[in-house]
Amino acid sequence: MSQTTKRKNSRWKALSALSLGYFLVMADQAIVPVITPHLPAGVGDSVWITSIYLLFTVVPMLVTGRLGDRVGQRCMYLLGLAVYLVGMALAAGSSSFSVLIIARAIQGLGAAAFLPQAFGVIGRVFPAETRGPAYAVWGVVGSVGSLIGPVFAGAVVDGAGWRATFVAQVAFGIVALGLAFAWVPRLSTTPARIDAPSVIVSLLGLGGVVYGIQYGSWAAVIVGTLALLVFFWLQRSGGDQALLPLGLFANRNFTLGSVGIAAMGFAVAAQFIPIMYWLQDGRGVDAVTAGLLTVPMSIVALILTPFVGEAADRVDPKVLGAIGFATMTASMVWAWWIMSTGGSVWWMIGITALKGVGSAFIWAPNAATTMRTIPEHMAGAASGAYNTVRQVGSVVGVAIIGGAMSAWLPNLGVEQATADTMLIMAAVMFVGLVASFFFRSDIQPRNR
């Protein structure tokens, strides 16, 4: 076997191992909304299973990206995945809801450590001409995780209980960790400064805002907002070493794309929480059927994403963005109508399929438009900022939707309370739609 063939094989082995880790995360994110109604807690507390995970994922992510440069991306990936599995094992054996919350926080820390490394390793081991297909494989594997997760959760939770879903994921994760240890290569490292004050202040800020929204504490919101203002001041004085370089937002498409991805993060993280409560608690649908009703979204997105991703380099971003956000807005309004008027649960097949169309027209095109004009020396910082903004949107989305459900349930009942949260998400998607209208077209003609 030639050296060239060996290098190619080693690249694809590394990609396979990294993709399994991403599959695990995406499957888990799809599993949790299905098992949430079965947890030993009320609606307001149960939502913290998702929000605490997102909080502990988003806050350290900029730091863990820098740590990957400093101590090695392979090292950070293995450490992060190991921590993630420890949290998952703790969740599987949790004896109380408090322990489960701690377990999800540990999972979040692990995810924050290993997810940024995967993208970096793929970009370094694959040459430019094969990097696109590699990222496509990584994304498709994640989509398959989102597809399988709800069905798996529905089947397991009815027969063996919600803890069994975590047990099965631990077993799969051990395999993923072993393959990563064997196949992910050691890569060179570079010095990187870690801005500890910014990390601490961002944690206080995001934690205060999310806690305040979830539990209706204006004091926490105010304290969190003040901490975030201090964080942004620290970033302004940090220059290129800042965790979040504010100069990125002088780029029009980066700013608009960040607004769009924050809106998408808000909706994607929160949308199935009220839908699952409506299906299972409001309409008496079993967990298996509820999980199956979400499958059309993943199937449609899986089919359309390769074609839309190709179009992202040829079609005006205003067009693709408008289609995506308009479709997502329409799906939220349609869901509100069906859920509030006692419509058949089978309408969810069409609703989730429409969500799949919107997802396909947002994820890849929005990312391509946002990152296309970023200077090469700012690409790493821009990628970290973009993903952090998305995760912040997710944290806020889960907190607001969970808080709204908790506040509205006593007076409105399950069906109307869950339905009305869809209007909140429709409004957020409309903000993304408006932002997409202002994209500057930067499509360059292809060389033939």
Protein backbone atom coordinates (compact mmCIF):
# COMPACT_ATOMS: atom_id res chain seq x y z
CA MET A 1 0.00 0.00 0.00
CA SER A 2 1.44 3.39 -1.01
CA GLN A 3 2.01 6.23 1.43
CA THR A 4 -0.63 8.30 -0.37
CA THR A 5 -3.22 5.55 0.08
CA LYS A 6 -2.28 5.16 3.75
CA ARG A 7 -2.74 8.91 4.32
CA LYS A 8 -6.14 8.85 2.63
CA ASN A 9 -7.25 5.86 4.72
CA SER A 10 -6.06 7.51 7.93
CA ARG A 11 -8.01 10.67 7.11
CA TRP A 12 -11.25 8.78 6.60
CA LYS A 13 -10.67 6.72 9.73
CA ALA A 14 -10.24 9.93 11.70
CA LEU A 15 -13.41 11.34 10.14
CA SER A 16 -15.32 8.16 11.01
CA ALA A 17 -14.30 8.41 14.66
CA LEU A 18 -15.10 12.14 14.87
CA SER A 19 -18.45 11.61 13.17
CA LEU A 20 -19.46 9.01 15.77
CA GLY A 21 -18.94 11.59 18.51
CA TYR A 22 -21.10 14.09 16.64
CA PHE A 23 -23.73 11.40 16.04
CA LEU A 24 -23.88 10.80 19.80
CA VAL A 25 -24.43 14.49 20.58
CA MET A 26 -27.10 14.98 17.93
CA ALA A 27 -28.93 11.80 18.92
CA ASP A 28 -28.89 12.87 22.57
CA GLN A 29 -30.31 16.29 21.73
CA ALA A 30 -33.14 14.56 19.85
CA ILE A 31 -33.71 12.01 22.62
CA VAL A 32 -34.05 14.44 25.54
CA PRO A 33 -37.29 16.18 24.39
CA VAL A 34 -38.96 12.75 24.00
CA ILE A 35 -38.06 11.61 27.52
CA THR A 36 -38.69 14.98 29.20
CA PRO A 37 -42.42 14.34 29.91
CA HIS A 38 -41.40 11.12 31.72
CA LEU A 39 -38.95 12.78 34.12
CA PRO A 40 -39.84 13.06 37.84
CA ALA A 41 -40.32 16.84 37.76
CA GLY A 42 -42.73 19.55 36.66
CA VAL A 43 -42.56 21.31 33.32
CA GLY A 44 -40.54 24.28 34.58
CA ASP A 45 -37.93 22.09 36.25
CA SER A 46 -37.79 19.51 33.44
CA VAL A 47 -36.81 22.17 30.93
CA TRP A 48 -33.59 22.65 32.93
CA ILE A 49 -32.47 19.23 31.64
CA THR A 50 -31.97 20.95 28.30
CA SER A 51 -31.14 24.48 29.39
CA ILE A 52 -28.41 23.50 31.89
CA TYR A 53 -26.77 21.36 29.22
CA LEU A 54 -26.83 24.22 26.72
CA LEU A 55 -25.55 26.71 29.29
CA PHE A 56 -22.55 24.57 30.18
CA THR A 57 -21.88 23.95 26.51
CA VAL A 58 -21.96 27.54 25.29
CA VAL A 59 -20.01 29.32 28.02
CA PRO A 60 -16.69 27.41 27.77
CA MET A 61 -16.75 26.83 24.00
CA LEU A 62 -14.56 29.78 22.99
CA VAL A 63 -12.08 28.79 25.68
CA THR A 64 -11.96 25.10 24.74
CA GLY A 65 -11.33 26.07 21.14
CA ARG A 66 -8.25 28.02 22.25
CA LEU A 67 -7.20 25.14 24.53
CA GLY A 68 -7.27 22.82 21.52
CA ASP A 69 -4.64 25.04 19.88
CA ARG A 70 -2.56 25.04 23.03
CA VAL A 71 -2.63 21.44 24.34
CA GLY A 72 -3.64 19.62 21.16
CA GLN A 73 -6.96 19.00 19.48
CA ARG A 74 -6.73 15.22 19.85
CA CYS A 75 -6.11 15.57 23.59
CA MET A 76 -9.04 17.95 24.07
CA TYR A 77 -11.32 15.78 21.95
CA LEU A 78 -10.58 12.63 23.96
CA LEU A 79 -10.82 14.46 27.29
CA GLY A 80 -14.09 16.15 26.32
CA LEU A 81 -15.71 12.96 25.06
CA ALA A 82 -14.64 11.12 28.22
CA VAL A 83 -16.17 13.84 30.42
CA TYR A 84 -19.33 13.73 28.28
CA LEU A 85 -19.63 9.98 28.88
CA VAL A 86 -19.08 10.40 32.63
CA GLY A 87 -22.00 12.83 32.69
CA MET A 88 -24.13 10.46 30.67
CA ALA A 89 -23.31 7.53 32.98
CA LEU A 90 -24.19 9.68 35.99
CA ALA A 91 -27.53 10.52 34.33
CA ALA A 92 -28.21 6.82 33.73
CA GLY A 93 -27.69 6.04 37.42
CA SER A 94 -29.15 9.25 38.88
CA SER A 95 -31.14 8.72 42.05
CA SER A 96 -32.78 12.15 42.05
CA PHE A 97 -33.65 15.00 39.73
CA SER A 98 -30.88 17.11 41.27
CA VAL A 99 -28.28 14.49 40.35
CA LEU A 100 -29.68 14.39 36.82
CA ILE A 101 -29.23 18.17 36.53
CA ILE A 102 -25.60 17.84 37.65
CA ALA A 103 -25.08 15.04 35.14
CA ARG A 104 -26.40 17.18 32.30
CA ALA A 105 -24.09 20.01 33.31
CA ILE A 106 -21.12 17.62 33.12
CA GLN A 107 -22.32 16.47 29.71
CA GLY A 108 -22.42 20.09 28.59
CA LEU A 109 -18.84 20.69 29.72
CA GLY A 110 -17.71 17.59 27.84
CA ALA A 111 -19.52 18.65 24.67
CA ALA A 112 -17.99 22.12 24.89
CA ALA A 113 -14.54 20.51 25.01
CA PHE A 114 -14.79 18.02 22.15
CA LEU A 115 -17.18 19.53 19.59
CA PRO A 116 -14.95 22.46 18.52
CA GLN A 117 -11.99 20.11 18.07
CA ALA A 118 -13.74 17.90 15.51
CA PHE A 119 -14.17 20.69 12.98
CA GLY A 120 -10.56 21.75 13.47
CA VAL A 121 -9.14 18.25 13.04
CA ILE A 122 -11.14 17.65 9.85
CA GLY A 123 -9.91 20.95 8.42
CA ARG A 124 -6.30 20.04 9.16
CA VAL A 125 -6.16 16.40 8.03
CA PHE A 126 -8.12 16.85 4.78
CA PRO A 127 -6.68 18.90 1.91
CA ALA A 128 -8.81 21.75 0.56
CA GLU A 129 -10.09 19.80 -2.45
CA THR A 130 -11.61 17.02 -0.29
CA ARG A 131 -12.57 19.07 2.75
CA GLY A 132 -16.10 19.79 1.47
CA PRO A 133 -17.10 16.13 1.13
CA ALA A 134 -15.55 15.44 4.55
CA TYR A 135 -17.63 18.13 6.25
CA ALA A 136 -20.68 16.86 4.34
CA VAL A 137 -20.16 13.35 5.73
CA TRP A 138 -19.77 14.76 9.24
CA GLY A 139 -23.01 16.74 8.88
CA VAL A 140 -24.97 13.85 7.37
CA VAL A 141 -23.96 11.54 10.22
CA GLY A 142 -25.23 14.18 12.67
CA SER A 143 -28.52 14.34 10.76
CA VAL A 144 -28.86 10.58 11.02
CA GLY A 145 -28.42 10.92 14.79
CA SER A 146 -31.25 13.46 14.87
CA LEU A 147 -33.35 11.07 12.79
CA ILE A 148 -32.77 7.98 14.90
CA GLY A 149 -32.82 9.66 18.32
CA PRO A 150 -36.56 10.32 18.72
CA VAL A 151 -37.56 6.88 17.42
CA PHE A 152 -35.03 5.16 19.66
CA ALA A 153 -36.13 7.19 22.69
CA GLY A 154 -39.79 6.49 22.07
CA ALA A 155 -39.19 2.74 21.82
CA VAL A 156 -36.93 2.53 24.88
CA VAL A 157 -38.71 4.88 27.28
CA ASP A 158 -42.01 3.01 27.04
CA GLY A 159 -40.41 -0.38 27.60
CA ALA A 160 -37.44 0.23 29.90
CA GLY A 161 -37.79 3.78 31.21
CA TRP A 162 -35.89 7.00 30.50
CA ARG A 163 -32.67 5.92 32.26
CA ALA A 164 -32.17 3.16 29.71
CA THR A 165 -31.75 5.73 26.94
CA PHE A 166 -28.62 7.05 28.70
CA VAL A 167 -27.29 3.52 29.32
CA ALA A 168 -27.45 2.71 25.60
CA GLN A 169 -25.74 5.99 24.72
CA VAL A 170 -22.89 5.29 27.15
CA ALA A 171 -22.24 1.95 25.46
CA PHE A 172 -22.15 3.61 22.04
CA GLY A 173 -19.98 6.42 23.37
CA ILE A 174 -17.35 4.01 24.69
CA VAL A 175 -16.97 2.63 21.18
CA ALA A 176 -16.67 6.19 19.79
CA LEU A 177 -14.02 7.03 22.41
CA GLY A 178 -12.00 3.91 21.62
CA LEU A 179 -12.03 4.60 17.88
CA ALA A 180 -11.07 8.25 18.45
CA PHE A 181 -8.11 7.14 20.59
CA ALA A 182 -6.99 4.79 17.83
CA TRP A 183 -7.71 6.87 14.72
CA VAL A 184 -7.61 10.61 15.50
CA PRO A 185 -4.04 11.82 14.85
CA ARG A 186 -1.82 13.99 17.02
CA LEU A 187 -1.42 17.41 15.45
CA SER A 188 0.96 20.30 16.13
CA THR A 189 0.07 22.87 18.78
CA THR A 190 0.45 26.65 19.00
CA PRO A 191 0.62 29.02 22.00
CA ALA A 192 -2.71 30.60 22.95
CA ARG A 193 -3.62 32.96 25.80
CA ILE A 194 -6.71 32.12 27.87
CA ASP A 195 -8.59 35.21 29.04
CA ALA A 196 -9.79 34.01 32.46
CA PRO A 197 -11.68 37.21 33.44
CA SER A 198 -13.73 37.05 30.23
CA VAL A 199 -14.60 33.42 30.87
CA ILE A 200 -15.74 34.12 34.43
CA VAL A 201 -17.76 37.20 33.50
CA SER A 202 -19.43 35.48 30.54
CA LEU A 203 -20.43 32.58 32.81
CA LEU A 204 -21.95 34.98 35.33
CA GLY A 205 -23.70 36.95 32.61
CA LEU A 206 -25.25 34.07 30.71
CA GLY A 207 -26.08 32.20 33.90
CA GLY A 208 -27.82 35.23 35.39
CA VAL A 209 -29.86 35.98 32.29
CA VAL A 210 -30.96 32.37 31.73
CA TYR A 211 -31.78 31.79 35.40
CA GLY A 212 -33.71 35.05 35.55
CA ILE A 213 -35.76 34.23 32.44
CA GLN A 214 -36.51 30.70 33.64
CA TYR A 215 -37.57 31.63 37.17
CA GLY A 216 -38.85 35.15 36.62
CA SER A 217 -36.10 36.85 38.62
CA TRP A 218 -35.56 40.37 37.34
CA ALA A 219 -32.66 40.78 39.76
CA ALA A 220 -30.84 37.87 38.12
CA VAL A 221 -31.59 39.25 34.65
CA ILE A 222 -30.21 42.67 35.62
CA VAL A 223 -27.08 41.22 37.22
CA GLY A 224 -26.55 38.95 34.23
CA THR A 225 -27.02 41.81 31.78
CA LEU A 226 -24.52 43.98 33.65
CA ALA A 227 -22.03 41.10 33.64
CA LEU A 228 -22.49 40.69 29.88
CA LEU A 229 -21.84 44.40 29.39
CA VAL A 230 -18.58 43.99 31.31
CA PHE A 231 -17.80 40.96 29.13
CA PHE A 232 -18.27 42.98 25.94
CA TRP A 233 -16.08 45.75 27.36
CA LEU A 234 -13.36 43.19 28.06
CA GLN A 235 -13.66 41.91 24.50
CA ARG A 236 -13.33 45.45 23.14
CA SER A 237 -10.03 45.92 24.93
CA GLY A 238 -8.79 42.42 24.15
CA GLY A 239 -8.10 42.93 20.45
CA ASP A 240 -7.21 39.78 18.53
CA GLN A 241 -6.74 37.87 21.80
CA ALA A 242 -10.35 38.44 22.89
CA LEU A 243 -12.65 35.46 23.29
CA LEU A 244 -15.19 37.27 21.12
CA PRO A 245 -13.45 39.78 18.79
CA LEU A 246 -16.03 42.51 18.33
CA GLY A 247 -14.46 43.64 15.06
CA LEU A 248 -16.14 40.67 13.41
CA PHE A 249 -19.49 42.41 13.70
CA ALA A 250 -18.32 45.23 11.43
CA ASN A 251 -18.85 42.70 8.64
CA ARG A 252 -22.47 43.13 7.51
CA ASN A 253 -23.10 39.53 6.45
CA PHE A 254 -21.45 38.18 9.58
CA THR A 255 -23.71 40.28 11.78
CA LEU A 256 -26.88 39.40 9.86
CA GLY A 257 -25.90 35.74 9.69
CA SER A 258 -25.30 35.74 13.44
CA VAL A 259 -28.80 37.13 13.99
CA GLY A 260 -30.19 34.39 11.76
CA ILE A 261 -28.30 31.55 13.43
CA ALA A 262 -29.25 32.83 16.90
CA ALA A 263 -32.91 32.75 15.82
CA MET A 264 -32.47 29.25 14.41
CA GLY A 265 -30.70 28.09 17.58
CA PHE A 266 -33.58 29.50 19.63
CA ALA A 267 -36.17 27.54 17.68
CA VAL A 268 -34.36 24.26 17.07
CA ALA A 269 -33.43 23.76 20.72
CA ALA A 270 -36.90 24.63 22.05
CA GLN A 271 -39.47 23.65 19.41
CA PHE A 272 -39.98 20.00 20.31
CA ILE A 273 -40.35 20.60 24.05
CA PRO A 274 -43.92 22.00 23.73
CA ILE A 275 -44.72 19.66 20.83
CA MET A 276 -43.81 16.58 22.91
CA TYR A 277 -45.87 17.79 25.86
CA TRP A 278 -48.80 18.49 23.53
CA LEU A 279 -48.58 15.05 21.94
CA GLN A 280 -47.98 12.98 25.07
CA ASP A 281 -49.66 14.87 27.91
CA GLY A 282 -52.25 16.79 25.92
CA ARG A 283 -53.33 14.22 23.32
CA GLY A 284 -52.29 10.97 24.99
CA VAL A 285 -49.92 9.84 22.23
CA ASP A 286 -47.41 7.18 23.29
CA ALA A 287 -43.71 8.06 23.25
CA VAL A 288 -42.91 5.85 20.24
CA THR A 289 -45.51 7.53 18.03
CA ALA A 290 -44.51 10.99 19.30
CA GLY A 291 -40.91 10.29 18.33
CA LEU A 292 -41.92 9.00 14.90
CA LEU A 293 -43.88 12.17 14.19
CA THR A 294 -40.64 14.18 14.33
CA VAL A 295 -38.85 11.96 11.80
CA PRO A 296 -40.06 13.78 8.63
CA MET A 297 -38.03 16.85 9.59
CA SER A 298 -34.76 14.92 9.55
CA ILE A 299 -35.64 12.96 6.41
CA VAL A 300 -36.56 16.06 4.39
CA ALA A 301 -33.51 17.98 5.64
CA LEU A 302 -31.26 15.01 4.86
CA ILE A 303 -32.56 14.85 1.28
CA LEU A 304 -32.47 18.59 0.55
CA THR A 305 -29.27 19.65 2.33
CA PRO A 306 -26.76 18.47 -0.35
CA PHE A 307 -28.66 20.31 -3.11
CA VAL A 308 -29.20 23.49 -1.10
CA GLY A 309 -25.58 23.42 0.05
CA GLU A 310 -24.48 23.36 -3.60
CA ALA A 311 -26.84 26.26 -4.38
CA ALA A 312 -25.36 28.33 -1.55
CA ASP A 313 -22.35 29.13 -3.76
CA ARG A 314 -24.48 30.17 -6.76
CA VAL A 315 -27.75 31.72 -5.56
CA ASP A 316 -28.26 35.14 -3.93
CA PRO A 317 -28.26 34.55 -0.14
CA LYS A 318 -31.36 36.73 0.20
CA VAL A 319 -33.34 34.15 -1.77
CA LEU A 320 -32.19 31.09 0.16
CA GLY A 321 -32.52 32.85 3.51
CA ALA A 322 -36.00 34.12 2.71
CA ILE A 323 -37.17 30.63 1.70
CA GLY A 324 -35.71 29.05 4.82
CA PHE A 325 -36.93 31.51 7.43
CA ALA A 326 -40.33 31.99 5.76
CA THR A 327 -40.83 28.23 5.75
CA MET A 328 -39.81 27.89 9.38
CA THR A 329 -42.13 30.77 10.36
CA ALA A 330 -45.00 29.12 8.49
CA SER A 331 -44.34 25.78 10.21
CA MET A 332 -44.56 27.44 13.64
CA VAL A 333 -47.84 29.20 12.78
CA TRP A 334 -49.25 25.97 11.35
CA ALA A 335 -48.26 24.10 14.52
CA TRP A 336 -49.95 26.77 16.67
CA TRP A 337 -53.16 26.45 14.64
CA ILE A 338 -53.30 22.66 14.86
CA MET A 339 -52.35 22.53 18.54
CA SER A 340 -54.77 25.25 19.64
CA THR A 341 -57.79 24.06 17.65
CA GLY A 342 -57.69 20.39 18.56
CA GLY A 343 -56.42 19.28 15.16
CA SER A 344 -55.33 15.74 14.43
CA VAL A 345 -51.89 14.75 15.69
CA TRP A 346 -51.16 13.39 12.21
CA TRP A 347 -50.85 16.96 10.93
CA MET A 348 -47.48 16.90 12.70
CA ILE A 349 -46.13 14.84 9.81
CA GLY A 350 -46.63 17.79 7.46
CA ILE A 351 -45.52 20.33 10.04
CA THR A 352 -42.24 18.58 10.80
CA ALA A 353 -41.63 17.96 7.08
CA LEU A 354 -42.02 21.71 6.49
CA LYS A 355 -39.54 22.32 9.30
CA GLY A 356 -37.14 20.05 7.42
CA VAL A 357 -37.42 22.26 4.34
CA GLY A 358 -36.70 25.35 6.41
CA SER A 359 -33.73 23.71 8.13
CA ALA A 360 -32.17 22.70 4.81
CA PHE A 361 -32.44 26.26 3.46
CA ILE A 362 -30.97 27.85 6.61
CA TRP A 363 -28.09 25.86 8.09
CA ALA A 364 -25.59 25.54 5.23
CA PRO A 365 -26.51 28.71 3.25
CA ASN A 366 -26.50 30.90 6.36
CA ALA A 367 -23.10 29.56 7.41
CA ALA A 368 -21.65 29.98 3.91
CA THR A 369 -22.90 33.57 3.62
CA THR A 370 -21.75 34.49 7.11
CA MET A 371 -18.22 33.13 6.74
CA ARG A 372 -17.52 33.76 3.04
CA THR A 373 -16.02 37.26 3.36
CA ILE A 374 -14.23 36.76 6.69
CA PRO A 375 -10.44 37.26 6.30
CA GLU A 376 -8.46 34.04 6.62
CA HIS A 377 -6.61 35.21 9.74
CA MET A 378 -9.99 35.76 11.47
CA ALA A 379 -11.59 32.48 10.36
CA GLY A 380 -11.01 30.64 13.64
CA ALA A 381 -12.34 33.45 15.80
CA ALA A 382 -15.31 33.92 13.46
CA SER A 383 -16.18 30.22 13.59
CA GLY A 384 -16.02 30.22 17.38
CA ALA A 385 -18.13 33.37 17.64
CA TYR A 386 -20.70 32.07 15.16
CA ASN A 387 -21.16 28.80 17.05
CA THR A 388 -21.28 30.60 20.38
CA VAL A 389 -24.03 32.92 19.14
CA ARG A 390 -25.99 29.87 17.96
CA GLN A 391 -25.63 28.21 21.35
CA VAL A 392 -26.65 31.40 23.17
CA GLY A 393 -29.79 31.45 21.05
CA SER A 394 -30.46 27.87 22.09
CA VAL A 395 -29.99 28.64 25.79
CA VAL A 396 -32.31 31.64 25.65
CA GLY A 397 -34.87 29.75 23.56
CA VAL A 398 -35.16 26.85 25.99
CA ALA A 399 -35.34 29.24 28.94
CA ILE A 400 -38.06 31.42 27.42
CA ILE A 401 -40.18 28.58 26.06
CA GLY A 402 -39.85 26.59 29.27
CA GLY A 403 -40.68 29.64 31.36
CA ALA A 404 -43.70 30.46 29.22
CA MET A 405 -45.04 26.91 29.44
CA SER A 406 -44.58 26.85 33.19
CA ALA A 407 -46.36 30.21 33.60
CA TRP A 408 -49.26 29.44 31.23
CA LEU A 409 -50.05 25.83 32.11
CA PRO A 410 -52.09 26.51 35.31
CA ASN A 411 -54.54 28.84 33.53
CA LEU A 412 -54.52 27.61 29.92
CA GLY A 413 -54.01 23.87 30.22
CA VAL A 414 -51.51 21.72 28.35
CA GLU A 415 -52.89 22.08 24.82
CA GLN A 416 -53.30 25.87 24.70
CA ALA A 417 -50.17 26.65 26.74
CA THR A 418 -47.96 24.53 24.50
CA ALA A 419 -49.64 25.88 21.37
CA ASP A 420 -49.08 29.52 22.30
CA THR A 421 -45.33 28.98 22.69
CA MET A 422 -45.21 28.25 18.95
CA LEU A 423 -46.17 31.88 18.30
CA ILE A 424 -43.11 33.01 20.25
CA MET A 425 -40.92 30.90 18.00
CA ALA A 426 -42.74 32.14 14.90
CA ALA A 427 -41.90 35.72 15.92
CA VAL A 428 -38.24 34.80 16.41
CA MET A 429 -38.13 33.12 12.99
CA PHE A 430 -39.64 36.27 11.48
CA VAL A 431 -36.70 38.25 12.88
CA GLY A 432 -34.39 35.88 11.01
CA LEU A 433 -36.47 36.41 7.87
CA VAL A 434 -36.11 40.18 8.09
CA ALA A 435 -32.35 39.88 8.67
CA SER A 436 -31.97 37.68 5.56
CA PHE A 437 -33.45 40.44 3.36
CA PHE A 438 -30.41 42.62 4.11
CA PHE A 439 -27.71 40.13 3.15
CA ARG A 440 -25.19 41.57 0.70
CA SER A 441 -24.74 39.28 -2.29
CA ASP A 442 -21.10 38.20 -2.48
CA ILE A 443 -21.42 35.27 -4.88
CA GLN A 444 -18.42 35.08 -7.17
CA PRO A 445 -18.73 33.55 -10.66
CA ARG A 446 -17.20 30.09 -10.89
CA ASN A 447 -14.22 29.37 -13.06
CA ARG A 448 -15.11 26.95 -15.79
